[in-house]
Amino acid sequence: MKEKGQTLSRREFLTKTGFASVALLTVGTLGSVIPVRKESLASWIAPRDAAAMALKDVNEELKATFGNRKIELSHVTMKAPIIAENGGVVPINISSDLPMKPGNYVKKIYVYVDKNYDPYVGSVDLTPANGKAAFSLRIKMRKTSQVRAILETSQGKLYAAVKTVKVTIGGCGG
């Protein structure tokens, strides 16, 4: 025998979830129709504001991530197209000739695009078990810009490659 309040019948469950769904849809719809203050529920649902869309400086991003460590332009090979017809899908291949032995290996690969709103595209962590420091990805580019691949070794050294990619149709709405 079930005690009341501890379990829900299927009918009670469907009724409660139905009311909750209608309430969420109503709040979401009203939030986009009714002009409200920036800090209200509408901005919480769609947090796109001018500050989020502001162009960040790649040098500030690099300084925040790597501090004042020196970045050498060697040991990194980056293959990217000279001209990307679609900035929404730009193939990038990054590899390195650095060793991948325990105690001396490429720890992380970072990718930056200078003229994207947020220059940091992504990163990947590596271990000696990877065997080779290599990474392929497809990135979005807002417009013609430099693409930077930065490798960080387990000993804290930084190596990079930089290549300019011309974008004919922007991939970030530009």
Foldseek 3Di string as FASTA:
>chain_A
DDDPPPDDDPVRVVVVVVVVVVVVVVVQVCLVVDDDDCPDPNCVVPVDDPVLQAADAVVVVCCVVQNPADEAADQKDKDWDQEDAALQWTKIKIFGPWAQDVPKHFAKKWKFWGGHSGRTFDMDGDHSVVVTGMDMDTTHFQAWTKMKIWTAIPVGYIYIHIDTYGYNHGSPND
